[in-house]
Amino acid sequence: MYLSSVTTALTTLAESEGGEHGSTLNAYAIGAGALGALLLLLWITTRLNRDR
């Protein structure tokens, strides 16, 4: 019962966009930013764990 209501809600949200592709966010910029943030976190983690 709960799963069907969640599925209905998600379907309604997906259909409410109307197929517009006018998003101003660039997928490549978001991906590059996420990669940069993860690499920064990896660098910080390796600097703090020098004793291992």
C-alpha atoms as a PDB file:
ATOM      1  CA  MET A   1       0.000   0.000   0.000  1.00  0.00           C
ATOM      2  CA  TYR A   2       2.738   2.429   0.983  1.00  0.00           C
ATOM      3  CA  LEU A   3       4.875   1.580  -2.045  1.00  0.00           C
ATOM      4  CA  SER A   4       2.042   2.252  -4.466  1.00  0.00           C
ATOM      5  CA  SER A   5       1.384   5.692  -2.973  1.00  0.00           C
ATOM      6  CA  VAL A   6       5.073   6.550  -3.230  1.00  0.00           C
ATOM      7  CA  THR A   7       5.133   5.345  -6.831  1.00  0.00           C
ATOM      8  CA  THR A   8       2.066   7.453  -7.620  1.00  0.00           C
ATOM      9  CA  ALA A   9       3.629  10.529  -6.024  1.00  0.00           C
ATOM     10  CA  LEU A  10       6.891  10.099  -7.943  1.00  0.00           C
ATOM     11  CA  THR A  11       5.036   9.566 -11.203  1.00  0.00           C
ATOM     12  CA  THR A  12       3.028  12.737 -10.607  1.00  0.00           C
ATOM     13  CA  LEU A  13       6.216  14.696  -9.911  1.00  0.00           C
ATOM     14  CA  ALA A  14       7.886  13.361 -13.043  1.00  0.00           C
ATOM     15  CA  GLU A  15       4.924  14.243 -15.234  1.00  0.00           C
ATOM     16  CA  SER A  16       4.434  17.704 -13.752  1.00  0.00           C
ATOM     17  CA  GLU A  17       7.622  19.032 -15.372  1.00  0.00           C
ATOM     18  CA  GLY A  18       5.941  19.065 -18.735  1.00  0.00           C
ATOM     19  CA  GLY A  19       9.001  17.958 -20.651  1.00  0.00           C
ATOM     20  CA  GLU A  20      10.740  21.318 -20.456  1.00  0.00           C
ATOM     21  CA  HIS A  21      14.498  21.113 -20.745  1.00  0.00           C
ATOM     22  CA  GLY A  22      15.238  24.717 -19.827  1.00  0.00           C
ATOM     23  CA  SER A  23      17.481  23.900 -16.905  1.00  0.00           C
ATOM     24  CA  THR A  24      20.270  26.404 -16.402  1.00  0.00           C
ATOM     25  CA  LEU A  25      22.508  23.882 -14.627  1.00  0.00           C
ATOM     26  CA  ASN A  26      25.258  22.413 -16.765  1.00  0.00           C
ATOM     27  CA  ALA A  27      25.733  18.703 -16.102  1.00  0.00           C
ATOM     28  CA  TYR A  28      29.434  18.830 -16.939  1.00  0.00           C
ATOM     29  CA  ALA A  29      30.009  21.717 -14.538  1.00  0.00           C
ATOM     30  CA  ILE A  30      28.190  19.879 -11.760  1.00  0.00           C
ATOM     31  CA  GLY A  31      30.196  16.724 -12.436  1.00  0.00           C
ATOM     32  CA  ALA A  32      33.485  18.610 -12.496  1.00  0.00           C
ATOM     33  CA  GLY A  33      32.602  20.394  -9.262  1.00  0.00           C
ATOM     34  CA  ALA A  34      31.659  17.141  -7.563  1.00  0.00           C
ATOM     35  CA  LEU A  35      34.868  15.491  -8.758  1.00  0.00           C
ATOM     36  CA  GLY A  36      36.900  18.430  -7.503  1.00  0.00           C
ATOM     37  CA  ALA A  37      35.189  18.321  -4.102  1.00  0.00           C
ATOM     38  CA  LEU A  38      35.772  14.580  -3.771  1.00  0.00           C
ATOM     39  CA  LEU A  39      39.426  14.909  -4.759  1.00  0.00           C
ATOM     40  CA  LEU A  40      39.841  17.682  -2.198  1.00  0.00           C
ATOM     41  CA  LEU A  41      38.303  15.505   0.502  1.00  0.00           C
ATOM     42  CA  LEU A  42      40.570  12.635  -0.521  1.00  0.00           C
ATOM     43  CA  TRP A  43      43.628  14.880  -0.316  1.00  0.00           C
ATOM     44  CA  ILE A  44      42.604  16.148   3.143  1.00  0.00           C
ATOM     45  CA  THR A  45      42.003  12.600   4.352  1.00  0.00           C
ATOM     46  CA  THR A  46      45.397  11.387   3.155  1.00  0.00           C
ATOM     47  CA  ARG A  47      47.144  14.345   4.839  1.00  0.00           C
ATOM     48  CA  LEU A  48      45.454  13.657   8.197  1.00  0.00           C
ATOM     49  CA  ASN A  49      46.218   9.918   8.164  1.00  0.00           C
ATOM     50  CA  ARG A  50      49.995   9.988   7.675  1.00  0.00           C
ATOM     51  CA  ASP A  51      50.574   7.504  10.522  1.00  0.00           C
ATOM     52  CA  ARG A  52      48.858   4.611   8.726  1.00  0.00           C
END
